[in-house]
C-alpha cells in the first residue's frame, strides 16, 4: 500500500512541476485592454514620448504573447506603430490590431 501511495505522489509531483511552469508563464500575461483605452494610452505615450511596454497577442509569426519596450511613434505611411528600444539598436514595427496591453515602463 505504501508503494502505491508513493507512486501516486510522484505522479502528482510530476504534474505539478509540469503544469507549474505553464502557470507561472501565464501569470505574467496582462489582461486585454478595450480598444478605446488602447488608442488613448498609445496617443498619450506618443505625444509625451513616454517609455512604454507593449504586450502583443499571438500572431501568425509568433505563437506566444510577446512584450516590447521602448518609445512609440506613429508610422507616417501606414497604420503600424514604430517602437524604438532605449538603446536605439532595435526598432519594431507593430500592427495596432495585434496590441493586447500597454503600460508604462
PDB file of N, CA and C in Angstrom:
ATOM      1  N   UNK A   1       0.818  -1.194   0.000  1.00  0.00           N
ATOM      2  CA  UNK A   1       0.000   0.000   0.000  1.00  0.00           C
ATOM      3  C   UNK A   1       0.861   1.257   0.000  1.00  0.00           C
ATOM      4  N   UNK A   2       1.924   1.254   0.782  1.00  0.00           N
ATOM      5  CA  UNK A   2       2.778   2.438   0.834  1.00  0.00           C
ATOM      6  C   UNK A   2       3.482   2.665  -0.501  1.00  0.00           C
ATOM      7  N   UNK A   3       3.809   1.573  -1.204  1.00  0.00           N
ATOM      8  CA  UNK A   3       4.440   1.705  -2.516  1.00  0.00           C
ATOM      9  C   UNK A   3       3.487   2.380  -3.501  1.00  0.00           C
ATOM     10  N   UNK A   4       2.217   2.006  -3.452  1.00  0.00           N
ATOM     11  CA  UNK A   4       1.205   2.607  -4.316  1.00  0.00           C
ATOM     12  C   UNK A   4       1.034   4.090  -3.991  1.00  0.00           C
ATOM     13  N   UNK A   5       1.031   4.421  -2.715  1.00  0.00           N
ATOM     14  CA  UNK A   5       0.898   5.817  -2.307  1.00  0.00           C
ATOM     15  C   UNK A   5       2.093   6.636  -2.774  1.00  0.00           C
ATOM     16  N   UNK A   6       3.296   6.065  -2.690  1.00  0.00           N
ATOM     17  CA  UNK A   6       4.480   6.802  -3.136  1.00  0.00           C
ATOM     18  C   UNK A   6       4.475   6.987  -4.646  1.00  0.00           C
ATOM     19  N   UNK A   7       3.951   5.995  -5.397  1.00  0.00           N
ATOM     20  CA  UNK A   7       3.848   6.137  -6.847  1.00  0.00           C
ATOM     21  C   UNK A   7       2.862   7.235  -7.218  1.00  0.00           C
ATOM     22  N   UNK A   8       1.729   7.292  -6.515  1.00  0.00           N
ATOM     23  CA  UNK A   8       0.743   8.343  -6.774  1.00  0.00           C
ATOM     24  C   UNK A   8       1.330   9.712  -6.463  1.00  0.00           C
ATOM     25  N   UNK A   9       2.067   9.796  -5.390  1.00  0.00           N
ATOM     26  CA  UNK A   9       2.653  11.070  -5.006  1.00  0.00           C
ATOM     27  C   UNK A   9       3.667  11.524  -6.051  1.00  0.00           C
ATOM     28  N   UNK A  10       4.472  10.617  -6.546  1.00  0.00           N
ATOM     29  CA  UNK A  10       5.465  11.017  -7.535  1.00  0.00           C
ATOM     30  C   UNK A  10       4.795  11.452  -8.838  1.00  0.00           C
ATOM     31  N   UNK A  11       3.704  10.790  -9.231  1.00  0.00           N
ATOM     32  CA  UNK A  11       2.972  11.207 -10.429  1.00  0.00           C
ATOM     33  C   UNK A  11       2.376  12.592 -10.216  1.00  0.00           C
ATOM     34  N   UNK A  12       1.819  12.820  -9.037  1.00  0.00           N
ATOM     35  CA  UNK A  12       1.250  14.118  -8.720  1.00  0.00           C
ATOM     36  C   UNK A  12       2.322  15.204  -8.750  1.00  0.00           C
ATOM     37  N   UNK A  13       3.488  14.925  -8.225  1.00  0.00           N
ATOM     38  CA  UNK A  13       4.578  15.896  -8.252  1.00  0.00           C
ATOM     39  C   UNK A  13       5.020  16.199  -9.675  1.00  0.00           C
ATOM     40  N   UNK A  14       5.029  15.183 -10.519  1.00  0.00           N
ATOM     41  CA  UNK A  14       5.390  15.391 -11.926  1.00  0.00           C
ATOM     42  C   UNK A  14       4.400  16.337 -12.585  1.00  0.00           C
ATOM     43  N   UNK A  15       3.115  16.123 -12.353  1.00  0.00           N
ATOM     44  CA  UNK A  15       2.102  17.007 -12.929  1.00  0.00           C
ATOM     45  C   UNK A  15       2.239  18.430 -12.398  1.00  0.00           C
ATOM     46  N   UNK A  16       2.471  18.570 -11.092  1.00  0.00           N
ATOM     47  CA  UNK A  16       2.631  19.905 -10.515  1.00  0.00           C
ATOM     48  C   UNK A  16       3.829  20.621 -11.120  1.00  0.00           C
ATOM     49  N   UNK A  17       4.935  19.897 -11.276  1.00  0.00           N
ATOM     50  CA  UNK A  17       6.120  20.510 -11.881  1.00  0.00           C
ATOM     51  C   UNK A  17       5.845  20.913 -13.323  1.00  0.00           C
ATOM     52  N   UNK A  18       5.188  20.044 -14.059  1.00  0.00           N
ATOM     53  CA  UNK A  18       4.900  20.329 -15.465  1.00  0.00           C
ATOM     54  C   UNK A  18       3.938  21.484 -15.641  1.00  0.00           C
ATOM     55  N   UNK A  19       2.827  21.441 -14.906  1.00  0.00           N
ATOM     56  CA  UNK A  19       1.838  22.499 -15.033  1.00  0.00           C
ATOM     57  C   UNK A  19       2.262  23.766 -14.311  1.00  0.00           C
ATOM     58  N   UNK A  20       3.065  23.646 -13.285  1.00  0.00           N
ATOM     59  CA  UNK A  20       3.532  24.828 -12.566  1.00  0.00           C
ATOM     60  C   UNK A  20       4.306  25.770 -13.457  1.00  0.00           C
ATOM     61  N   UNK A  21       5.120  25.232 -14.342  1.00  0.00           N
ATOM     62  CA  UNK A  21       5.876  26.091 -15.252  1.00  0.00           C
ATOM     63  C   UNK A  21       4.953  26.788 -16.236  1.00  0.00           C
ATOM     64  N   UNK A  22       3.864  26.152 -16.617  1.00  0.00           N
ATOM     65  CA  UNK A  22       2.908  26.795 -17.521  1.00  0.00           C
ATOM     66  C   UNK A  22       2.189  27.941 -16.833  1.00  0.00           C
ATOM     67  N   UNK A  23       1.772  27.736 -15.596  1.00  0.00           N
ATOM     68  CA  UNK A  23       1.022  28.768 -14.906  1.00  0.00           C
ATOM     69  C   UNK A  23       1.879  29.975 -14.572  1.00  0.00           C
ATOM     70  N   UNK A  24       3.148  29.800 -14.271  1.00  0.00           N
ATOM     71  CA  UNK A  24       3.983  30.961 -13.989  1.00  0.00           C
ATOM     72  C   UNK A  24       4.159  31.806 -15.242  1.00  0.00           C
ATOM     73  N   UNK A  25       4.215  31.157 -16.410  1.00  0.00           N
ATOM     74  CA  UNK A  25       4.350  31.913 -17.652  1.00  0.00           C
ATOM     75  C   UNK A  25       3.091  32.731 -17.917  1.00  0.00           C
ATOM     76  N   UNK A  26       1.908  32.133 -17.697  1.00  0.00           N
ATOM     77  CA  UNK A  26       0.667  32.835 -17.967  1.00  0.00           C
ATOM     78  C   UNK A  26       0.348  33.872 -16.904  1.00  0.00           C
ATOM     79  N   UNK A  27       0.931  33.780 -15.729  1.00  0.00           N
ATOM     80  CA  UNK A  27       0.648  34.765 -14.694  1.00  0.00           C
ATOM     81  C   UNK A  27       1.218  36.126 -15.047  1.00  0.00           C
ATOM     82  N   UNK A  28       2.176  36.178 -15.975  1.00  0.00           N
ATOM     83  CA  UNK A  28       2.735  37.456 -16.409  1.00  0.00           C
ATOM     84  C   UNK A  28       1.920  38.094 -17.527  1.00  0.00           C
ATOM     85  N   UNK A  29       0.951  37.388 -18.058  1.00  0.00           N
ATOM     86  CA  UNK A  29       0.134  37.898 -19.148  1.00  0.00           C
ATOM     87  C   UNK A  29      -0.843  38.924 -18.593  1.00  0.00           C
ATOM     88  N   UNK A  30      -0.837  40.112 -19.176  1.00  0.00           N
ATOM     89  CA  UNK A  30      -1.730  41.174 -18.745  1.00  0.00           C
ATOM     90  C   UNK A  30      -3.106  40.978 -19.378  1.00  0.00           C
ATOM     91  N   UNK A  31      -4.160  41.494 -18.756  1.00  0.00           N
ATOM     92  CA  UNK A  31      -5.488  41.358 -19.342  1.00  0.00           C
ATOM     93  C   UNK A  31      -5.627  42.204 -20.608  1.00  0.00           C
ATOM     94  N   UNK A  32      -6.519  41.778 -21.464  1.00  0.00           N
ATOM     95  CA  UNK A  32      -6.782  42.502 -22.708  1.00  0.00           C
ATOM     96  C   UNK A  32      -7.403  43.857 -22.369  1.00  0.00           C
ATOM     97  N   UNK A  33      -6.899  44.927 -22.996  1.00  0.00           N
ATOM     98  CA  UNK A  33      -7.444  46.262 -22.784  1.00  0.00           C
ATOM     99  C   UNK A  33      -8.496  46.554 -23.851  1.00  0.00           C
ATOM    100  N   UNK A  34      -9.528  47.338 -23.512  1.00  0.00           N
ATOM    101  CA  UNK A  34     -10.507  47.739 -24.522  1.00  0.00           C
ATOM    102  C   UNK A  34      -9.850  48.590 -25.613  1.00  0.00           C
ATOM    103  N   UNK A  35     -10.420  48.559 -26.808  1.00  0.00           N
ATOM    104  CA  UNK A  35      -9.843  49.245 -27.965  1.00  0.00           C
ATOM    105  C   UNK A  35      -9.700  50.752 -27.724  1.00  0.00           C
ATOM    106  N   UNK A  36     -10.718  51.375 -27.145  1.00  0.00           N
ATOM    107  CA  UNK A  36     -10.659  52.822 -26.891  1.00  0.00           C
ATOM    108  C   UNK A  36      -9.553  53.174 -25.906  1.00  0.00           C
ATOM    109  N   UNK A  37      -9.376  52.346 -24.894  1.00  0.00           N
ATOM    110  CA  UNK A  37      -8.326  52.584 -23.909  1.00  0.00           C
ATOM    111  C   UNK A  37      -6.944  52.408 -24.539  1.00  0.00           C
ATOM    112  N   UNK A  38      -6.787  51.400 -25.398  1.00  0.00           N
ATOM    113  CA  UNK A  38      -5.518  51.209 -26.109  1.00  0.00           C
ATOM    114  C   UNK A  38      -5.182  52.434 -26.951  1.00  0.00           C
ATOM    115  N   UNK A  39      -6.172  52.945 -27.690  1.00  0.00           N
ATOM    116  CA  UNK A  39      -5.944  54.120 -28.532  1.00  0.00           C
ATOM    117  C   UNK A  39      -5.534  55.321 -27.690  1.00  0.00           C
ATOM    118  N   UNK A  40      -6.232  55.538 -26.579  1.00  0.00           N
ATOM    119  CA  UNK A  40      -5.926  56.675 -25.712  1.00  0.00           C
ATOM    120  C   UNK A  40      -4.522  56.556 -25.118  1.00  0.00           C
ATOM    121  N   UNK A  41      -4.178  55.408 -24.567  1.00  0.00           N
ATOM    122  CA  UNK A  41      -2.854  55.204 -23.970  1.00  0.00           C
ATOM    123  C   UNK A  41      -1.755  55.379 -25.009  1.00  0.00           C
ATOM    124  N   UNK A  42      -1.984  54.854 -26.198  1.00  0.00           N
ATOM    125  CA  UNK A  42      -0.979  54.948 -27.249  1.00  0.00           C
ATOM    126  C   UNK A  42      -0.782  56.396 -27.691  1.00  0.00           C
ATOM    127  N   UNK A  43      -1.867  57.130 -27.858  1.00  0.00           N
ATOM    128  CA  UNK A  43      -1.764  58.546 -28.238  1.00  0.00           C
ATOM    129  C   UNK A  43      -1.013  59.343 -27.176  1.00  0.00           C
ATOM    130  N   UNK A  44      -1.311  59.086 -25.907  1.00  0.00           N
ATOM    131  CA  UNK A  44      -0.628  59.787 -24.825  1.00  0.00           C
ATOM    132  C   UNK A  44       0.858  59.434 -24.777  1.00  0.00           C
ATOM    133  N   UNK A  45       1.186  58.173 -24.996  1.00  0.00           N
ATOM    134  CA  UNK A  45       2.589  57.742 -24.981  1.00  0.00           C
ATOM    135  C   UNK A  45       3.370  58.387 -26.117  1.00  0.00           C
ATOM    136  N   UNK A  46       2.764  58.479 -27.295  1.00  0.00           N
ATOM    137  CA  UNK A  46       3.438  59.105 -28.439  1.00  0.00           C
ATOM    138  C   UNK A  46       3.575  60.605 -28.208  1.00  0.00           C
ATOM    139  N   UNK A  47       2.512  61.239 -27.760  1.00  0.00           N
ATOM    140  CA  UNK A  47       2.509  62.692 -27.534  1.00  0.00           C
ATOM    141  C   UNK A  47       3.545  63.104 -26.486  1.00  0.00           C
ATOM    142  N   UNK A  48       3.623  62.358 -25.388  1.00  0.00           N
ATOM    143  CA  UNK A  48       4.521  62.706 -24.282  1.00  0.00           C
ATOM    144  C   UNK A  48       5.869  62.005 -24.350  1.00  0.00           C
ATOM    145  N   UNK A  49       6.092  61.201 -25.400  1.00  0.00           N
ATOM    146  CA  UNK A  49       7.347  60.458 -25.590  1.00  0.00           C
ATOM    147  C   UNK A  49       7.711  59.645 -24.347  1.00  0.00           C
ATOM    148  N   UNK A  50       6.730  58.918 -23.825  1.00  0.00           N
ATOM    149  CA  UNK A  50       6.920  58.097 -22.636  1.00  0.00           C
ATOM    150  C   UNK A  50       7.462  56.729 -23.009  1.00  0.00           C
ATOM    151  N   UNK A  51       8.265  56.155 -22.145  1.00  0.00           N
ATOM    152  CA  UNK A  51       8.753  54.785 -22.335  1.00  0.00           C
ATOM    153  C   UNK A  51       7.642  53.836 -21.899  1.00  0.00           C
ATOM    154  N   UNK A  52       7.302  52.912 -22.788  1.00  0.00           N
ATOM    155  CA  UNK A  52       6.188  52.012 -22.528  1.00  0.00           C
ATOM    156  C   UNK A  52       6.579  50.562 -22.792  1.00  0.00           C
ATOM    157  N   UNK A  53       5.733  49.674 -22.320  1.00  0.00           N
ATOM    158  CA  UNK A  53       5.836  48.243 -22.614  1.00  0.00           C
ATOM    159  C   UNK A  53       4.551  47.866 -23.339  1.00  0.00           C
ATOM    160  N   UNK A  54       4.699  47.287 -24.522  1.00  0.00           N
ATOM    161  CA  UNK A  54       3.550  46.850 -25.309  1.00  0.00           C
ATOM    162  C   UNK A  54       3.537  45.332 -25.332  1.00  0.00           C
ATOM    163  N   UNK A  55       2.407  44.773 -24.947  1.00  0.00           N
ATOM    164  CA  UNK A  55       2.231  43.319 -24.996  1.00  0.00           C
ATOM    165  C   UNK A  55       1.392  42.997 -26.232  1.00  0.00           C
ATOM    166  N   UNK A  56       1.883  42.052 -27.042  1.00  0.00           N
ATOM    167  CA  UNK A  56       1.264  41.738 -28.327  1.00  0.00           C
ATOM    168  C   UNK A  56       0.655  40.338 -28.283  1.00  0.00           C
ATOM    169  N   UNK A  57      -0.549  40.217 -28.818  1.00  0.00           N
ATOM    170  CA  UNK A  57      -1.230  38.918 -28.923  1.00  0.00           C
ATOM    171  C   UNK A  57      -0.463  37.984 -29.846  1.00  0.00           C
ATOM    172  N   UNK A  58      -0.701  36.689 -29.740  1.00  0.00           N
ATOM    173  CA  UNK A  58      -0.081  35.751 -30.687  1.00  0.00           C
ATOM    174  C   UNK A  58      -0.497  36.077 -32.123  1.00  0.00           C
ATOM    175  N   UNK A  59       0.443  35.957 -33.054  1.00  0.00           N
ATOM    176  CA  UNK A  59       0.187  36.243 -34.462  1.00  0.00           C
ATOM    177  C   UNK A  59       0.593  35.034 -35.295  1.00  0.00           C
ATOM    178  N   UNK A  60       0.507  35.182 -36.601  1.00  0.00           N
ATOM    179  CA  UNK A  60       0.939  34.092 -37.481  1.00  0.00           C
ATOM    180  C   UNK A  60       2.450  33.916 -37.429  1.00  0.00           C
ATOM    181  N   UNK A  61       3.177  34.963 -37.057  1.00  0.00           N
ATOM    182  CA  UNK A  61       4.636  34.901 -36.989  1.00  0.00           C
ATOM    183  C   UNK A  61       5.133  34.358 -35.655  1.00  0.00           C
ATOM    184  N   UNK A  62       4.365  34.573 -34.599  1.00  0.00           N
ATOM    185  CA  UNK A  62       4.761  34.121 -33.270  1.00  0.00           C
ATOM    186  C   UNK A  62       3.535  33.553 -32.564  1.00  0.00           C
ATOM    187  N   UNK A  63       3.657  32.366 -32.028  1.00  0.00           N
ATOM    188  CA  UNK A  63       2.528  31.704 -31.380  1.00  0.00           C
ATOM    189  C   UNK A  63       2.419  32.029 -29.890  1.00  0.00           C
ATOM    190  N   UNK A  64       3.249  32.944 -29.398  1.00  0.00           N
ATOM    191  CA  UNK A  64       3.203  33.283 -27.980  1.00  0.00           C
ATOM    192  C   UNK A  64       2.981  34.776 -27.802  1.00  0.00           C
ATOM    193  N   UNK A  65       2.662  35.166 -26.591  1.00  0.00           N
ATOM    194  CA  UNK A  65       2.471  36.574 -26.267  1.00  0.00           C
ATOM    195  C   UNK A  65       3.839  37.171 -25.986  1.00  0.00           C
ATOM    196  N   UNK A  66       4.170  38.255 -26.704  1.00  0.00           N
ATOM    197  CA  UNK A  66       5.476  38.899 -26.546  1.00  0.00           C
ATOM    198  C   UNK A  66       5.307  40.306 -25.998  1.00  0.00           C
ATOM    199  N   UNK A  67       6.361  40.811 -25.347  1.00  0.00           N
ATOM    200  CA  UNK A  67       6.388  42.183 -24.858  1.00  0.00           C
ATOM    201  C   UNK A  67       7.560  42.912 -25.482  1.00  0.00           C
ATOM    202  N   UNK A  68       7.321  44.178 -25.823  1.00  0.00           N
ATOM    203  CA  UNK A  68       8.351  45.027 -26.407  1.00  0.00           C
ATOM    204  C   UNK A  68       8.396  46.323 -25.607  1.00  0.00           C
ATOM    205  N   UNK A  69       9.619  46.812 -25.323  1.00  0.00           N
ATOM    206  CA  UNK A  69       9.777  48.034 -24.541  1.00  0.00           C
ATOM    207  C   UNK A  69      10.452  49.101 -25.381  1.00  0.00           C
ATOM    208  N   UNK A  70      10.046  50.354 -25.171  1.00  0.00           N
ATOM    209  CA  UNK A  70      10.672  51.457 -25.876  1.00  0.00           C
ATOM    210  C   UNK A  70       9.746  52.656 -25.958  1.00  0.00           C
ATOM    211  N   UNK A  71      10.072  53.574 -26.871  1.00  0.00           N
ATOM    212  CA  UNK A  71       9.238  54.748 -27.117  1.00  0.00           C
ATOM    213  C   UNK A  71       8.531  54.570 -28.454  1.00  0.00           C
ATOM    214  N   UNK A  72       7.265  54.956 -28.490  1.00  0.00           N
ATOM    215  CA  UNK A  72       6.436  54.704 -29.667  1.00  0.00           C
ATOM    216  C   UNK A  72       6.296  55.946 -30.535  1.00  0.00           C
ATOM    217  N   UNK A  73       6.137  55.697 -31.830  1.00  0.00           N
ATOM    218  CA  UNK A  73       5.820  56.730 -32.819  1.00  0.00           C
ATOM    219  C   UNK A  73       4.809  56.135 -33.781  1.00  0.00           C
ATOM    220  N   UNK A  74       4.002  56.998 -34.391  1.00  0.00           N
ATOM    221  CA  UNK A  74       3.093  56.530 -35.428  1.00  0.00           C
ATOM    222  C   UNK A  74       3.817  56.557 -36.759  1.00  0.00           C
ATOM    223  N   UNK A  75       3.632  55.526 -37.558  1.00  0.00           N
ATOM    224  CA  UNK A  75       4.234  55.476 -38.887  1.00  0.00           C
ATOM    225  C   UNK A  75       3.503  56.460 -39.798  1.00  0.00           C
ATOM    226  N   UNK A  76       4.242  57.315 -40.521  1.00  0.00           N
ATOM    227  CA  UNK A  76       3.576  58.286 -41.397  1.00  0.00           C
ATOM    228  C   UNK A  76       2.981  57.651 -42.650  1.00  0.00           C
ATOM    229  N   UNK A  77       3.385  56.428 -42.974  1.00  0.00           N
ATOM    230  CA  UNK A  77       2.962  55.808 -44.229  1.00  0.00           C
ATOM    231  C   UNK A  77       2.004  54.634 -44.057  1.00  0.00           C
ATOM    232  N   UNK A  78       1.744  54.212 -42.844  1.00  0.00           N
ATOM    233  CA  UNK A  78       0.854  53.066 -42.634  1.00  0.00           C
ATOM    234  C   UNK A  78       0.205  53.169 -41.256  1.00  0.00           C
ATOM    235  N   UNK A  79      -0.552  52.149 -40.902  1.00  0.00           N
ATOM    236  CA  UNK A  79      -1.208  52.120 -39.591  1.00  0.00           C
ATOM    237  C   UNK A  79      -0.333  51.447 -38.533  1.00  0.00           C
ATOM    238  N   UNK A  80       0.901  51.156 -38.870  1.00  0.00           N
ATOM    239  CA  UNK A  80       1.793  50.490 -37.920  1.00  0.00           C
ATOM    240  C   UNK A  80       2.353  51.476 -36.900  1.00  0.00           C
ATOM    241  N   UNK A  81       2.795  50.918 -35.800  1.00  0.00           N
ATOM    242  CA  UNK A  81       3.428  51.694 -34.738  1.00  0.00           C
ATOM    243  C   UNK A  81       4.905  51.356 -34.739  1.00  0.00           C
ATOM    244  N   UNK A  82       5.726  52.376 -34.687  1.00  0.00           N
ATOM    245  CA  UNK A  82       7.179  52.199 -34.643  1.00  0.00           C
ATOM    246  C   UNK A  82       7.588  52.276 -33.178  1.00  0.00           C
ATOM    247  N   UNK A  83       8.219  51.232 -32.690  1.00  0.00           N
ATOM    248  CA  UNK A  83       8.669  51.192 -31.303  1.00  0.00           C
ATOM    249  C   UNK A  83      10.180  51.081 -31.301  1.00  0.00           C
ATOM    250  N   UNK A  84      10.836  52.114 -30.778  1.00  0.00           N
ATOM    251  CA  UNK A  84      12.297  52.123 -30.710  1.00  0.00           C
ATOM    252  C   UNK A  84      12.727  51.779 -29.294  1.00  0.00           C
ATOM    253  N   UNK A  85      13.706  50.888 -29.182  1.00  0.00           N
ATOM    254  CA  UNK A  85      14.205  50.493 -27.869  1.00  0.00           C
ATOM    255  C   UNK A  85      15.016  51.627 -27.264  1.00  0.00           C
ATOM    256  N   UNK A  86      15.340  51.483 -25.988  1.00  0.00           N
ATOM    257  CA  UNK A  86      16.057  52.529 -25.268  1.00  0.00           C
ATOM    258  C   UNK A  86      17.428  52.804 -25.872  1.00  0.00           C
ATOM    259  N   UNK A  87      18.090  51.772 -26.320  1.00  0.00           N
ATOM    260  CA  UNK A  87      19.434  51.935 -26.873  1.00  0.00           C
ATOM    261  C   UNK A  87      19.403  52.325 -28.348  1.00  0.00           C
ATOM    262  N   UNK A  88      18.205  52.392 -28.950  1.00  0.00           N
ATOM    263  CA  UNK A  88      18.020  52.698 -30.375  1.00  0.00           C
ATOM    264  C   UNK A  88      18.713  51.693 -31.285  1.00  0.00           C
ATOM    265  N   UNK A  89      18.990  50.505 -30.783  1.00  0.00           N
ATOM    266  CA  UNK A  89      19.611  49.470 -31.613  1.00  0.00           C
ATOM    267  C   UNK A  89      18.569  48.611 -32.319  1.00  0.00           C
ATOM    268  N   UNK A  90      17.364  48.565 -31.767  1.00  0.00           N
ATOM    269  CA  UNK A  90      16.316  47.738 -32.358  1.00  0.00           C
ATOM    270  C   UNK A  90      15.065  48.577 -32.556  1.00  0.00           C
ATOM    271  N   UNK A  91      14.434  48.414 -33.698  1.00  0.00           N
ATOM    272  CA  UNK A  91      13.171  49.080 -33.998  1.00  0.00           C
ATOM    273  C   UNK A  91      12.146  48.019 -34.364  1.00  0.00           C
ATOM    274  N   UNK A  92      10.986  48.093 -33.739  1.00  0.00           N
ATOM    275  CA  UNK A  92       9.914  47.142 -34.013  1.00  0.00           C
ATOM    276  C   UNK A  92       8.795  47.851 -34.759  1.00  0.00           C
ATOM    277  N   UNK A  93       8.211  47.169 -35.737  1.00  0.00           N
ATOM    278  CA  UNK A  93       7.005  47.635 -36.410  1.00  0.00           C
ATOM    279  C   UNK A  93       5.858  46.760 -35.926  1.00  0.00           C
ATOM    280  N   UNK A  94       4.909  47.367 -35.248  1.00  0.00           N
ATOM    281  CA  UNK A  94       3.799  46.616 -34.670  1.00  0.00           C
ATOM    282  C   UNK A  94       2.487  47.051 -35.300  1.00  0.00           C
ATOM    283  N   UNK A  95       1.630  46.099 -35.574  1.00  0.00           N
ATOM    284  CA  UNK A  95       0.285  46.413 -36.046  1.00  0.00           C
ATOM    285  C   UNK A  95      -0.584  46.761 -34.848  1.00  0.00           C
ATOM    286  N   UNK A  96      -1.342  47.833 -34.964  1.00  0.00           N
ATOM    287  CA  UNK A  96      -2.189  48.271 -33.855  1.00  0.00           C
ATOM    288  C   UNK A  96      -3.211  47.210 -33.469  1.00  0.00           C
ATOM    289  N   UNK A  97      -3.692  46.442 -34.435  1.00  0.00           N
ATOM    290  CA  UNK A  97      -4.711  45.420 -34.140  1.00  0.00           C
ATOM    291  C   UNK A  97      -4.148  44.250 -33.340  1.00  0.00           C
ATOM    292  N   UNK A  98      -2.832  44.098 -33.294  1.00  0.00           N
ATOM    293  CA  UNK A  98      -2.210  42.990 -32.566  1.00  0.00           C
ATOM    294  C   UNK A  98      -1.889  43.330 -31.113  1.00  0.00           C
ATOM    295  N   UNK A  99      -2.038  44.592 -30.718  1.00  0.00           N
ATOM    296  CA  UNK A  99      -1.675  45.009 -29.360  1.00  0.00           C
ATOM    297  C   UNK A  99      -2.708  44.497 -28.364  1.00  0.00           C
ATOM    298  N   UNK A 100      -2.205  43.909 -27.302  1.00  0.00           N
ATOM    299  CA  UNK A 100      -3.056  43.365 -26.243  1.00  0.00           C
ATOM    300  C   UNK A 100      -3.128  44.310 -25.051  1.00  0.00           C
ATOM    301  N   UNK A 101      -1.992  44.896 -24.676  1.00  0.00           N
ATOM    302  CA  UNK A 101      -1.903  45.665 -23.435  1.00  0.00           C
ATOM    303  C   UNK A 101      -0.768  46.674 -23.548  1.00  0.00           C
ATOM    304  N   UNK A 102      -0.953  47.856 -22.964  1.00  0.00           N
ATOM    305  CA  UNK A 102       0.098  48.879 -22.909  1.00  0.00           C
ATOM    306  C   UNK A 102       0.222  49.338 -21.464  1.00  0.00           C
ATOM    307  N   UNK A 103       1.470  49.481 -21.002  1.00  0.00           N
ATOM    308  CA  UNK A 103       1.705  50.034 -19.665  1.00  0.00           C
ATOM    309  C   UNK A 103       3.003  50.829 -19.674  1.00  0.00           C
ATOM    310  N   UNK A 104       3.159  51.692 -18.678  1.00  0.00           N
ATOM    311  CA  UNK A 104       4.384  52.479 -18.565  1.00  0.00           C
ATOM    312  C   UNK A 104       5.541  51.596 -18.135  1.00  0.00           C
ATOM    313  N   UNK A 105       6.712  51.895 -18.658  1.00  0.00           N
ATOM    314  CA  UNK A 105       7.911  51.124 -18.309  1.00  0.00           C
ATOM    315  C   UNK A 105       8.509  51.650 -17.027  1.00  0.00           C
TER     316      UNK A 105
END
